[in-house]
Amino acid sequence: MIYSVHGKLIHTESGFAVVECAGVGYKCLTTLSTLSRLPRLGEEATLYTHLNVREDAVDLFGFYDQGELSCFKMLISVSGVGPKAALSILSSMSPEKFALCVATGDVKSLKCPGVGPKIAQRIVLELKDKVSSEAVAQGFQAELPAAALSASGPAAEAISALVVLGYSQSEAAVAVGQCDPALPVEEMIKFGLKKLATNL
């Protein structure tokens, strides 16, 4: 298993980057997020990697940080989710946003090219427990307020109301999760709307 590659960044294209290590150029398939964070060509770069071996291909996937790599591994562990779909999801959102979507059951936000509603639902069902218990969630636990993860009563009603108003489940959960749980539903909704209006 190749844990990481470190060397000169010699080429980038949409979907992959090439890092030269000891005279060998390693083509690492990756996300738009990782590509946007890489240095300029000719400079040193490090990518954390995952080697995917199939009957017809051997692919190396590279990520800027271990949080994104952990999310990628979790995604491809879900039945029906291949590396391409995993890259598509992580190209459209950060690992923190991904964890929040799974933890709050926000299926709508997980849909992207190559990932339809059925696959998005399966991801939430299979990964909900993992996201809250595995190391991938530890680095951004602050992003997942307790009220957002276990919303019930007034908090759940307020979240539902914000979703009806057009916000995603995860956005609504974060906004409501920041207010006083003793507030009545109407006040929670007002507070949530203010937070969402100022981008949390």
N, C-alpha and C. Protein backbone atom coordinates (compact mmCIF):
# COMPACT_ATOMS: atom_id res chain seq x y z
N MET A 1 0.85 -1.20 0.00
CA MET A 1 0.00 0.00 0.00
C MET A 1 0.88 1.25 0.00
N ILE A 2 0.55 2.21 -0.85
CA ILE A 2 1.28 3.48 -0.90
C ILE A 2 0.54 4.46 0.00
N TYR A 3 1.20 4.87 1.09
CA TYR A 3 0.57 5.76 2.06
C TYR A 3 0.46 7.19 1.53
N SER A 4 1.52 7.66 0.90
CA SER A 4 1.51 9.02 0.34
C SER A 4 2.59 9.14 -0.72
N VAL A 5 2.49 10.17 -1.53
CA VAL A 5 3.55 10.49 -2.49
C VAL A 5 3.99 11.93 -2.23
N HIS A 6 5.30 12.15 -2.29
CA HIS A 6 5.84 13.50 -2.08
C HIS A 6 6.91 13.75 -3.13
N GLY A 7 6.79 14.86 -3.82
CA GLY A 7 7.78 15.19 -4.84
C GLY A 7 7.35 16.42 -5.62
N LYS A 8 7.91 16.56 -6.81
CA LYS A 8 7.62 17.74 -7.64
C LYS A 8 6.30 17.54 -8.38
N LEU A 9 5.45 18.54 -8.33
CA LEU A 9 4.20 18.52 -9.09
C LEU A 9 4.53 18.86 -10.53
N ILE A 10 4.36 17.89 -11.44
CA ILE A 10 4.80 18.12 -12.82
C ILE A 10 3.65 18.30 -13.82
N HIS A 11 2.42 17.93 -13.42
CA HIS A 11 1.30 18.07 -14.36
C HIS A 11 -0.02 18.02 -13.61
N THR A 12 -0.99 18.81 -14.04
CA THR A 12 -2.36 18.71 -13.51
C THR A 12 -3.34 18.82 -14.67
N GLU A 13 -4.43 18.11 -14.53
CA GLU A 13 -5.54 18.19 -15.48
C GLU A 13 -6.80 18.04 -14.67
N SER A 14 -7.95 18.24 -15.31
CA SER A 14 -9.21 18.06 -14.59
C SER A 14 -9.30 16.60 -14.14
N GLY A 15 -9.31 16.38 -12.84
CA GLY A 15 -9.48 15.02 -12.33
C GLY A 15 -8.22 14.31 -11.88
N PHE A 16 -7.03 14.86 -12.20
CA PHE A 16 -5.82 14.19 -11.71
C PHE A 16 -4.62 15.13 -11.65
N ALA A 17 -3.64 14.69 -10.87
CA ALA A 17 -2.37 15.42 -10.74
C ALA A 17 -1.24 14.41 -10.82
N VAL A 18 -0.09 14.83 -11.34
CA VAL A 18 1.07 13.95 -11.44
C VAL A 18 2.19 14.49 -10.55
N VAL A 19 2.62 13.64 -9.60
CA VAL A 19 3.70 14.01 -8.69
C VAL A 19 4.90 13.11 -9.00
N GLU A 20 6.06 13.75 -9.27
CA GLU A 20 7.26 12.99 -9.61
C GLU A 20 8.06 12.69 -8.34
N CYS A 21 8.27 11.38 -8.09
CA CYS A 21 9.03 10.94 -6.92
C CYS A 21 10.17 10.05 -7.41
N ALA A 22 11.40 10.46 -7.15
CA ALA A 22 12.60 9.69 -7.53
C ALA A 22 12.57 9.31 -9.02
N GLY A 23 12.18 10.25 -9.86
CA GLY A 23 12.19 10.02 -11.30
C GLY A 23 10.95 9.33 -11.86
N VAL A 24 10.00 8.95 -10.99
CA VAL A 24 8.77 8.29 -11.44
C VAL A 24 7.60 9.24 -11.22
N GLY A 25 6.79 9.44 -12.27
CA GLY A 25 5.61 10.31 -12.15
C GLY A 25 4.40 9.50 -11.76
N TYR A 26 3.84 9.79 -10.60
CA TYR A 26 2.64 9.08 -10.13
C TYR A 26 1.39 9.87 -10.48
N LYS A 27 0.52 9.26 -11.30
CA LYS A 27 -0.74 9.91 -11.66
C LYS A 27 -1.76 9.60 -10.57
N CYS A 28 -2.20 10.66 -9.89
CA CYS A 28 -3.15 10.50 -8.79
C CYS A 28 -4.50 11.11 -9.19
N LEU A 29 -5.50 10.26 -9.29
CA LEU A 29 -6.85 10.75 -9.54
C LEU A 29 -7.31 11.48 -8.28
N THR A 30 -7.99 12.61 -8.46
CA THR A 30 -8.30 13.41 -7.28
C THR A 30 -9.53 14.28 -7.46
N THR A 31 -9.82 15.08 -6.44
CA THR A 31 -11.00 15.95 -6.44
C THR A 31 -10.64 17.37 -6.90
N LEU A 32 -11.66 18.13 -7.25
CA LEU A 32 -11.45 19.53 -7.61
C LEU A 32 -10.91 20.32 -6.42
N SER A 33 -11.35 19.92 -5.24
CA SER A 33 -10.89 20.59 -4.02
C SER A 33 -9.38 20.43 -3.82
N THR A 34 -8.87 19.20 -3.99
CA THR A 34 -7.43 18.96 -3.86
C THR A 34 -6.67 19.71 -4.95
N LEU A 35 -7.16 19.65 -6.18
CA LEU A 35 -6.49 20.35 -7.29
C LEU A 35 -6.37 21.85 -7.01
N SER A 36 -7.40 22.43 -6.41
CA SER A 36 -7.38 23.87 -6.15
C SER A 36 -6.40 24.25 -5.03
N ARG A 37 -6.01 23.28 -4.21
CA ARG A 37 -5.11 23.57 -3.08
C ARG A 37 -3.65 23.21 -3.36
N LEU A 38 -3.38 22.62 -4.51
CA LEU A 38 -2.01 22.23 -4.84
C LEU A 38 -1.16 23.45 -5.18
N PRO A 39 0.16 23.32 -4.98
CA PRO A 39 1.05 24.44 -5.34
C PRO A 39 1.18 24.56 -6.86
N ARG A 40 2.00 25.49 -7.31
CA ARG A 40 2.23 25.66 -8.76
C ARG A 40 3.09 24.52 -9.29
N LEU A 41 3.01 24.30 -10.60
CA LEU A 41 3.84 23.27 -11.24
C LEU A 41 5.31 23.52 -10.94
N GLY A 42 6.05 22.45 -10.66
CA GLY A 42 7.47 22.56 -10.36
C GLY A 42 7.77 22.66 -8.88
N GLU A 43 6.72 22.90 -8.07
CA GLU A 43 6.92 22.99 -6.63
C GLU A 43 6.64 21.64 -5.96
N GLU A 44 7.08 21.51 -4.70
CA GLU A 44 6.90 20.27 -3.94
C GLU A 44 5.45 20.10 -3.52
N ALA A 45 4.97 18.86 -3.60
CA ALA A 45 3.59 18.57 -3.19
C ALA A 45 3.53 17.21 -2.51
N THR A 46 2.60 17.07 -1.58
CA THR A 46 2.36 15.78 -0.92
C THR A 46 0.89 15.42 -1.08
N LEU A 47 0.63 14.18 -1.48
CA LEU A 47 -0.75 13.70 -1.57
C LEU A 47 -0.86 12.41 -0.77
N TYR A 48 -1.92 12.31 0.06
CA TYR A 48 -2.21 11.08 0.79
C TYR A 48 -3.01 10.18 -0.15
N THR A 49 -2.61 8.93 -0.24
CA THR A 49 -3.12 8.10 -1.33
C THR A 49 -3.91 6.86 -0.91
N HIS A 50 -4.67 6.39 -1.89
CA HIS A 50 -5.39 5.12 -1.77
C HIS A 50 -5.21 4.38 -3.10
N LEU A 51 -4.72 3.15 -3.02
CA LEU A 51 -4.51 2.33 -4.22
C LEU A 51 -5.72 1.44 -4.42
N ASN A 52 -6.36 1.57 -5.57
CA ASN A 52 -7.57 0.80 -5.88
C ASN A 52 -7.24 -0.23 -6.96
N VAL A 53 -7.32 -1.51 -6.62
CA VAL A 53 -6.96 -2.58 -7.56
C VAL A 53 -8.23 -3.29 -8.01
N ARG A 54 -8.43 -3.31 -9.35
CA ARG A 54 -9.55 -4.06 -9.94
C ARG A 54 -8.97 -5.03 -10.96
N GLU A 55 -9.84 -5.87 -11.50
CA GLU A 55 -9.37 -6.85 -12.50
C GLU A 55 -8.80 -6.17 -13.73
N ASP A 56 -9.43 -5.04 -14.11
CA ASP A 56 -9.03 -4.39 -15.36
C ASP A 56 -8.22 -3.12 -15.18
N ALA A 57 -7.94 -2.72 -13.93
CA ALA A 57 -7.19 -1.48 -13.73
C ALA A 57 -6.61 -1.37 -12.32
N VAL A 58 -5.53 -0.61 -12.22
CA VAL A 58 -4.93 -0.27 -10.93
C VAL A 58 -4.86 1.26 -10.89
N ASP A 59 -5.65 1.87 -10.00
CA ASP A 59 -5.73 3.33 -9.94
C ASP A 59 -5.21 3.85 -8.61
N LEU A 60 -4.48 4.96 -8.67
CA LEU A 60 -3.98 5.61 -7.46
C LEU A 60 -4.76 6.91 -7.27
N PHE A 61 -5.36 7.05 -6.08
CA PHE A 61 -6.13 8.25 -5.76
C PHE A 61 -5.34 9.06 -4.74
N GLY A 62 -5.26 10.37 -4.95
CA GLY A 62 -4.47 11.22 -4.05
C GLY A 62 -5.28 12.38 -3.52
N PHE A 63 -5.04 12.72 -2.24
CA PHE A 63 -5.82 13.77 -1.58
C PHE A 63 -4.91 14.71 -0.80
N TYR A 64 -5.30 15.97 -0.73
CA TYR A 64 -4.49 16.99 -0.08
C TYR A 64 -4.33 16.74 1.42
N ASP A 65 -5.41 16.24 2.05
CA ASP A 65 -5.31 15.95 3.49
C ASP A 65 -5.97 14.63 3.83
N GLN A 66 -5.74 14.17 5.05
CA GLN A 66 -6.24 12.86 5.46
C GLN A 66 -7.73 12.85 5.71
N GLY A 67 -8.32 14.01 6.00
CA GLY A 67 -9.77 14.08 6.19
C GLY A 67 -10.49 13.71 4.91
N GLU A 68 -10.02 14.25 3.78
CA GLU A 68 -10.64 13.94 2.50
C GLU A 68 -10.42 12.49 2.12
N LEU A 69 -9.23 11.96 2.40
CA LEU A 69 -8.93 10.55 2.14
C LEU A 69 -9.85 9.65 2.97
N SER A 70 -10.06 9.97 4.24
CA SER A 70 -10.93 9.17 5.10
C SER A 70 -12.36 9.15 4.56
N CYS A 71 -12.85 10.32 4.13
CA CYS A 71 -14.20 10.39 3.55
C CYS A 71 -14.29 9.54 2.28
N PHE A 72 -13.26 9.61 1.46
CA PHE A 72 -13.23 8.82 0.22
C PHE A 72 -13.33 7.33 0.53
N LYS A 73 -12.54 6.86 1.50
CA LYS A 73 -12.56 5.44 1.87
C LYS A 73 -13.92 5.03 2.42
N MET A 74 -14.53 5.92 3.21
CA MET A 74 -15.87 5.62 3.73
C MET A 74 -16.88 5.51 2.60
N LEU A 75 -16.79 6.42 1.65
CA LEU A 75 -17.75 6.43 0.54
C LEU A 75 -17.65 5.16 -0.31
N ILE A 76 -16.42 4.75 -0.63
CA ILE A 76 -16.30 3.56 -1.49
C ILE A 76 -16.61 2.27 -0.74
N SER A 77 -16.77 2.37 0.58
CA SER A 77 -17.18 1.18 1.35
C SER A 77 -18.69 0.94 1.23
N VAL A 78 -19.42 1.94 0.73
CA VAL A 78 -20.87 1.82 0.57
C VAL A 78 -21.17 1.05 -0.71
N SER A 79 -22.05 0.05 -0.63
CA SER A 79 -22.37 -0.75 -1.83
C SER A 79 -23.00 0.14 -2.89
N GLY A 80 -22.48 0.05 -4.10
CA GLY A 80 -23.01 0.84 -5.21
C GLY A 80 -22.30 2.16 -5.41
N VAL A 81 -21.35 2.50 -4.51
CA VAL A 81 -20.61 3.77 -4.66
C VAL A 81 -19.18 3.44 -5.08
N GLY A 82 -18.85 3.81 -6.31
CA GLY A 82 -17.50 3.57 -6.82
C GLY A 82 -16.62 4.79 -6.63
N PRO A 83 -15.34 4.65 -6.98
CA PRO A 83 -14.42 5.78 -6.83
C PRO A 83 -14.85 7.05 -7.57
N LYS A 84 -15.43 6.90 -8.77
CA LYS A 84 -15.85 8.08 -9.53
C LYS A 84 -16.93 8.86 -8.79
N ALA A 85 -17.91 8.14 -8.25
CA ALA A 85 -18.99 8.79 -7.51
C ALA A 85 -18.45 9.45 -6.24
N ALA A 86 -17.51 8.77 -5.57
CA ALA A 86 -16.91 9.33 -4.35
C ALA A 86 -16.16 10.63 -4.67
N LEU A 87 -15.40 10.64 -5.78
CA LEU A 87 -14.69 11.86 -6.18
C LEU A 87 -15.67 12.98 -6.53
N SER A 88 -16.78 12.61 -7.15
CA SER A 88 -17.79 13.60 -7.53
C SER A 88 -18.37 14.28 -6.29
N ILE A 89 -18.68 13.49 -5.26
CA ILE A 89 -19.23 14.05 -4.02
C ILE A 89 -18.20 14.96 -3.35
N LEU A 90 -16.96 14.48 -3.24
CA LEU A 90 -15.94 15.26 -2.54
C LEU A 90 -15.44 16.45 -3.37
N SER A 91 -15.77 16.46 -4.67
CA SER A 91 -15.46 17.64 -5.48
C SER A 91 -16.50 18.73 -5.27
N SER A 92 -17.69 18.32 -4.80
CA SER A 92 -18.76 19.30 -4.63
C SER A 92 -18.91 19.78 -3.19
N MET A 93 -18.21 19.13 -2.25
CA MET A 93 -18.30 19.57 -0.85
C MET A 93 -17.06 19.17 -0.06
N SER A 94 -16.82 19.87 1.03
CA SER A 94 -15.68 19.57 1.91
C SER A 94 -16.00 18.33 2.76
N PRO A 95 -14.98 17.69 3.35
CA PRO A 95 -15.24 16.58 4.26
C PRO A 95 -16.17 16.98 5.41
N GLU A 96 -16.02 18.23 5.91
CA GLU A 96 -16.88 18.71 6.99
C GLU A 96 -18.34 18.75 6.55
N LYS A 97 -18.57 19.30 5.37
CA LYS A 97 -19.93 19.39 4.82
C LYS A 97 -20.50 18.00 4.57
N PHE A 98 -19.66 17.09 4.06
CA PHE A 98 -20.09 15.72 3.82
C PHE A 98 -20.54 15.06 5.13
N ALA A 99 -19.71 15.19 6.18
CA ALA A 99 -20.04 14.59 7.48
C ALA A 99 -21.35 15.16 8.02
N LEU A 100 -21.53 16.46 7.85
CA LEU A 100 -22.74 17.11 8.32
C LEU A 100 -23.97 16.61 7.56
N CYS A 101 -23.85 16.47 6.24
CA CYS A 101 -24.97 15.96 5.43
C CYS A 101 -25.37 14.56 5.86
N VAL A 102 -24.38 13.71 6.10
CA VAL A 102 -24.66 12.33 6.52
C VAL A 102 -25.27 12.32 7.92
N ALA A 103 -24.67 13.07 8.84
CA ALA A 103 -25.14 13.08 10.23
C ALA A 103 -26.56 13.60 10.37
N THR A 104 -26.94 14.55 9.50
CA THR A 104 -28.28 15.13 9.59
C THR A 104 -29.26 14.52 8.59
N GLY A 105 -28.81 13.53 7.82
CA GLY A 105 -29.69 12.87 6.86
C GLY A 105 -30.05 13.74 5.68
N ASP A 106 -29.17 14.66 5.31
CA ASP A 106 -29.43 15.60 4.21
C ASP A 106 -29.11 14.94 2.86
N VAL A 107 -30.03 14.10 2.40
CA VAL A 107 -29.86 13.36 1.15
C VAL A 107 -29.78 14.30 -0.05
N LYS A 108 -30.58 15.35 -0.01
CA LYS A 108 -30.67 16.31 -1.13
C LYS A 108 -29.31 16.90 -1.49
N SER A 109 -28.53 17.28 -0.48
CA SER A 109 -27.24 17.92 -0.74
C SER A 109 -26.18 16.94 -1.25
N LEU A 110 -26.39 15.64 -1.03
CA LEU A 110 -25.41 14.64 -1.49
C LEU A 110 -25.55 14.33 -2.97
N LYS A 111 -26.70 14.71 -3.56
CA LYS A 111 -26.90 14.43 -4.99
C LYS A 111 -25.99 15.30 -5.84
N CYS A 112 -25.29 14.68 -6.78
CA CYS A 112 -24.38 15.40 -7.68
C CYS A 112 -24.18 14.51 -8.90
N PRO A 113 -23.43 14.96 -9.91
CA PRO A 113 -23.24 14.12 -11.11
C PRO A 113 -22.74 12.72 -10.75
N GLY A 114 -23.49 11.70 -11.18
CA GLY A 114 -23.12 10.31 -10.89
C GLY A 114 -23.70 9.76 -9.61
N VAL A 115 -24.38 10.61 -8.83
CA VAL A 115 -24.98 10.18 -7.56
C VAL A 115 -26.44 10.63 -7.52
N GLY A 116 -27.33 9.66 -7.69
CA GLY A 116 -28.76 9.95 -7.68
C GLY A 116 -29.35 9.83 -6.29
N PRO A 117 -30.68 10.04 -6.16
CA PRO A 117 -31.31 10.00 -4.84
C PRO A 117 -31.19 8.66 -4.12
N LYS A 118 -31.26 7.54 -4.86
CA LYS A 118 -31.18 6.22 -4.21
C LYS A 118 -29.80 5.98 -3.61
N ILE A 119 -28.76 6.33 -4.36
CA ILE A 119 -27.39 6.15 -3.85
C ILE A 119 -27.15 7.09 -2.67
N ALA A 120 -27.65 8.33 -2.78
CA ALA A 120 -27.49 9.31 -1.69
C ALA A 120 -28.15 8.78 -0.41
N GLN A 121 -29.33 8.18 -0.53
CA GLN A 121 -30.02 7.61 0.63
C GLN A 121 -29.22 6.45 1.23
N ARG A 122 -28.66 5.63 0.36
CA ARG A 122 -27.86 4.50 0.84
C ARG A 122 -26.62 4.98 1.60
N ILE A 123 -26.00 6.05 1.08
CA ILE A 123 -24.82 6.61 1.76
C ILE A 123 -25.18 7.05 3.17
N VAL A 124 -26.30 7.76 3.31
CA VAL A 124 -26.73 8.23 4.63
C VAL A 124 -27.02 7.04 5.55
N LEU A 125 -27.75 6.05 5.04
CA LEU A 125 -28.11 4.89 5.86
C LEU A 125 -26.89 4.11 6.34
N GLU A 126 -25.94 3.89 5.43
CA GLU A 126 -24.79 3.04 5.77
C GLU A 126 -23.70 3.78 6.55
N LEU A 127 -23.64 5.11 6.42
CA LEU A 127 -22.52 5.83 7.05
C LEU A 127 -22.90 6.68 8.26
N LYS A 128 -24.19 6.79 8.56
CA LYS A 128 -24.61 7.68 9.65
C LYS A 128 -23.89 7.36 10.96
N ASP A 129 -23.84 6.09 11.33
CA ASP A 129 -23.18 5.70 12.59
C ASP A 129 -21.67 5.90 12.51
N LYS A 130 -21.09 5.58 11.35
CA LYS A 130 -19.64 5.72 11.19
C LYS A 130 -19.18 7.16 11.32
N VAL A 131 -19.93 8.08 10.71
CA VAL A 131 -19.53 9.49 10.72
C VAL A 131 -19.46 10.03 12.14
N SER A 132 -20.38 9.61 12.99
CA SER A 132 -20.37 10.14 14.35
C SER A 132 -19.38 9.42 15.26
N SER A 133 -18.91 8.22 14.86
CA SER A 133 -18.03 7.47 15.76
C SER A 133 -16.58 7.35 15.28
N GLU A 134 -16.35 7.45 13.97
CA GLU A 134 -14.99 7.23 13.46
C GLU A 134 -14.14 8.49 13.47
N ALA A 135 -12.86 8.31 13.24
CA ALA A 135 -11.90 9.43 13.32
C ALA A 135 -12.22 10.55 12.34
N VAL A 136 -12.87 10.22 11.22
CA VAL A 136 -13.14 11.26 10.23
C VAL A 136 -13.98 12.39 10.81
N ALA A 137 -14.79 12.08 11.83
CA ALA A 137 -15.64 13.10 12.43
C ALA A 137 -14.93 13.87 13.54
N GLN A 138 -13.86 13.31 14.08
CA GLN A 138 -13.21 13.91 15.25
C GLN A 138 -12.62 15.28 14.95
N GLY A 139 -12.09 15.45 13.75
CA GLY A 139 -11.44 16.72 13.41
C GLY A 139 -12.39 17.88 13.25
N PHE A 140 -13.67 17.60 13.04
CA PHE A 140 -14.61 18.71 12.88
C PHE A 140 -15.88 18.49 13.68
N GLN A 141 -15.71 17.96 14.90
CA GLN A 141 -16.86 17.73 15.78
C GLN A 141 -17.62 19.03 16.06
N ALA A 142 -16.89 20.15 16.09
CA ALA A 142 -17.55 21.43 16.37
C ALA A 142 -18.55 21.81 15.29
N GLU A 143 -18.36 21.24 14.09
CA GLU A 143 -19.28 21.54 12.99
C GLU A 143 -20.62 20.81 13.17
N LEU A 144 -20.67 19.85 14.09
CA LEU A 144 -21.86 19.04 14.25
C LEU A 144 -22.46 19.28 15.64
N PRO A 145 -23.21 20.36 15.83
CA PRO A 145 -23.78 20.64 17.14
C PRO A 145 -24.68 19.51 17.61
N ALA A 146 -24.69 19.27 18.93
CA ALA A 146 -25.49 18.18 19.48
C ALA A 146 -26.96 18.31 19.08
N ALA A 147 -27.49 19.53 19.11
CA ALA A 147 -28.89 19.74 18.76
C ALA A 147 -29.17 19.38 17.31
N ALA A 148 -28.15 19.54 16.46
CA ALA A 148 -28.32 19.22 15.03
C ALA A 148 -28.36 17.71 14.82
N LEU A 149 -27.58 16.97 15.62
CA LEU A 149 -27.48 15.53 15.42
C LEU A 149 -28.64 14.78 16.04
N SER A 150 -29.17 15.29 17.14
CA SER A 150 -30.24 14.56 17.83
C SER A 150 -31.44 15.47 18.03
N ALA A 151 -31.78 16.20 16.97
CA ALA A 151 -32.88 17.16 17.09
C ALA A 151 -34.20 16.45 17.35
N SER A 152 -34.93 16.94 18.34
CA SER A 152 -36.26 16.41 18.62
C SER A 152 -37.08 17.56 19.18
N GLY A 153 -38.38 17.38 19.25
CA GLY A 153 -39.26 18.41 19.80
C GLY A 153 -39.17 19.71 19.02
N PRO A 154 -39.06 20.86 19.73
CA PRO A 154 -39.04 22.17 19.08
C PRO A 154 -37.91 22.32 18.04
N ALA A 155 -36.72 21.78 18.37
CA ALA A 155 -35.59 21.90 17.43
C ALA A 155 -35.91 21.20 16.11
N ALA A 156 -36.47 20.00 16.19
CA ALA A 156 -36.83 19.25 14.97
C ALA A 156 -37.89 20.00 14.17
N GLU A 157 -38.85 20.60 14.87
CA GLU A 157 -39.90 21.36 14.18
C GLU A 157 -39.30 22.58 13.48
N ALA A 158 -38.40 23.26 14.17
CA ALA A 158 -37.76 24.44 13.59
C ALA A 158 -36.94 24.07 12.35
N ILE A 159 -36.20 22.96 12.43
CA ILE A 159 -35.41 22.49 11.28
C ILE A 159 -36.34 22.19 10.11
N SER A 160 -37.44 21.48 10.39
CA SER A 160 -38.40 21.15 9.32
C SER A 160 -38.95 22.41 8.67
N ALA A 161 -39.26 23.42 9.50
CA ALA A 161 -39.80 24.67 8.96
C ALA A 161 -38.79 25.35 8.04
N LEU A 162 -37.52 25.35 8.43
CA LEU A 162 -36.48 25.97 7.60
C LEU A 162 -36.28 25.21 6.30
N VAL A 163 -36.42 23.88 6.36
CA VAL A 163 -36.30 23.06 5.14
C VAL A 163 -37.44 23.40 4.18
N VAL A 164 -38.65 23.57 4.73
CA VAL A 164 -39.81 23.96 3.91
C VAL A 164 -39.56 25.30 3.24
N LEU A 165 -38.83 26.18 3.93
CA LEU A 165 -38.53 27.51 3.38
C LEU A 165 -37.42 27.48 2.33
N GLY A 166 -36.88 26.28 2.07
CA GLY A 166 -35.91 26.16 0.97
C GLY A 166 -34.47 25.89 1.37
N TYR A 167 -34.18 25.85 2.68
CA TYR A 167 -32.81 25.55 3.11
C TYR A 167 -32.60 24.04 3.16
N SER A 168 -31.35 23.61 3.03
CA SER A 168 -31.07 22.18 3.10
C SER A 168 -31.14 21.72 4.56
N GLN A 169 -31.32 20.42 4.74
CA GLN A 169 -31.41 19.84 6.08
C GLN A 169 -30.17 20.18 6.91
N SER A 170 -28.99 20.07 6.29
CA SER A 170 -27.75 20.32 7.04
C SER A 170 -27.61 21.80 7.42
N GLU A 171 -27.97 22.71 6.50
CA GLU A 171 -27.90 24.15 6.81
C GLU A 171 -28.84 24.49 7.97
N ALA A 172 -30.06 23.96 7.87
CA ALA A 172 -31.06 24.23 8.91
C ALA A 172 -30.62 23.65 10.25
N ALA A 173 -30.04 22.45 10.24
CA ALA A 173 -29.61 21.80 11.48
C ALA A 173 -28.51 22.58 12.17
N VAL A 174 -27.55 23.10 11.38
CA VAL A 174 -26.46 23.88 11.97
C VAL A 174 -27.00 25.18 12.58
N ALA A 175 -27.88 25.86 11.85
CA ALA A 175 -28.43 27.13 12.34
C ALA A 175 -29.21 26.93 13.63
N VAL A 176 -30.11 25.94 13.64
CA VAL A 176 -30.92 25.69 14.84
C VAL A 176 -30.06 25.14 15.98
N GLY A 177 -29.04 24.38 15.63
CA GLY A 177 -28.15 23.81 16.64
C GLY A 177 -27.38 24.86 17.44
N GLN A 178 -27.33 26.10 16.93
CA GLN A 178 -26.58 27.16 17.61
C GLN A 178 -27.45 27.99 18.55
N CYS A 179 -28.75 27.71 18.57
CA CYS A 179 -29.61 28.53 19.44
C CYS A 179 -29.93 27.80 20.75
N ASP A 180 -30.49 28.54 21.68
CA ASP A 180 -30.83 28.01 23.00
C ASP A 180 -31.94 26.95 22.85
N PRO A 181 -31.70 25.70 23.30
CA PRO A 181 -32.71 24.65 23.12
C PRO A 181 -34.00 24.90 23.91
N ALA A 182 -33.96 25.87 24.84
CA ALA A 182 -35.17 26.16 25.64
C ALA A 182 -36.12 27.12 24.92
N LEU A 183 -35.68 27.70 23.81
CA LEU A 183 -36.52 28.66 23.07
C LEU A 183 -37.74 27.98 22.46
N PRO A 184 -38.85 28.71 22.33
CA PRO A 184 -40.00 28.14 21.61
C PRO A 184 -39.69 28.03 20.12
N VAL A 185 -40.47 27.21 19.42
CA VAL A 185 -40.24 26.93 17.99
C VAL A 185 -40.12 28.21 17.17
N GLU A 186 -41.05 29.15 17.39
CA GLU A 186 -41.07 30.38 16.59
C GLU A 186 -39.75 31.15 16.72
N GLU A 187 -39.24 31.21 17.96
CA GLU A 187 -37.98 31.93 18.21
C GLU A 187 -36.80 31.20 17.55
N MET A 188 -36.84 29.86 17.61
CA MET A 188 -35.78 29.07 16.96
C MET A 188 -35.76 29.33 15.45
N ILE A 189 -36.94 29.41 14.86
CA ILE A 189 -37.03 29.66 13.42
C ILE A 189 -36.48 31.05 13.09
N LYS A 190 -36.86 32.04 13.90
CA LYS A 190 -36.34 33.41 13.69
C LYS A 190 -34.82 33.44 13.80
N PHE A 191 -34.32 32.79 14.86
CA PHE A 191 -32.87 32.73 15.08
C PHE A 191 -32.19 32.05 13.89
N GLY A 192 -32.77 30.92 13.45
CA GLY A 192 -32.20 30.17 12.32
C GLY A 192 -32.16 31.00 11.05
N LEU A 193 -33.25 31.75 10.79
CA LEU A 193 -33.31 32.58 9.59
C LEU A 193 -32.24 33.68 9.62
N LYS A 194 -32.04 34.26 10.81
CA LYS A 194 -31.00 35.29 10.94
C LYS A 194 -29.62 34.71 10.66
N LYS A 195 -29.38 33.54 11.25
CA LYS A 195 -28.07 32.88 11.06
C LYS A 195 -27.85 32.55 9.57
N LEU A 196 -28.87 32.00 8.95
CA LEU A 196 -28.75 31.61 7.53
C LEU A 196 -28.59 32.83 6.64
N ALA A 197 -29.23 33.93 7.01
CA ALA A 197 -29.10 35.16 6.22
C ALA A 197 -27.69 35.71 6.26
N THR A 198 -26.96 35.41 7.34
CA THR A 198 -25.58 35.90 7.45
C THR A 198 -24.59 34.76 7.18
N ASN A 199 -25.06 33.73 6.44
CA ASN A 199 -24.24 32.56 6.10
C ASN A 199 -23.64 31.88 7.32
N LEU A 200 -24.45 31.71 8.37
CA LEU A 200 -24.06 31.05 9.61
C LEU A 200 -22.90 31.79 10.26
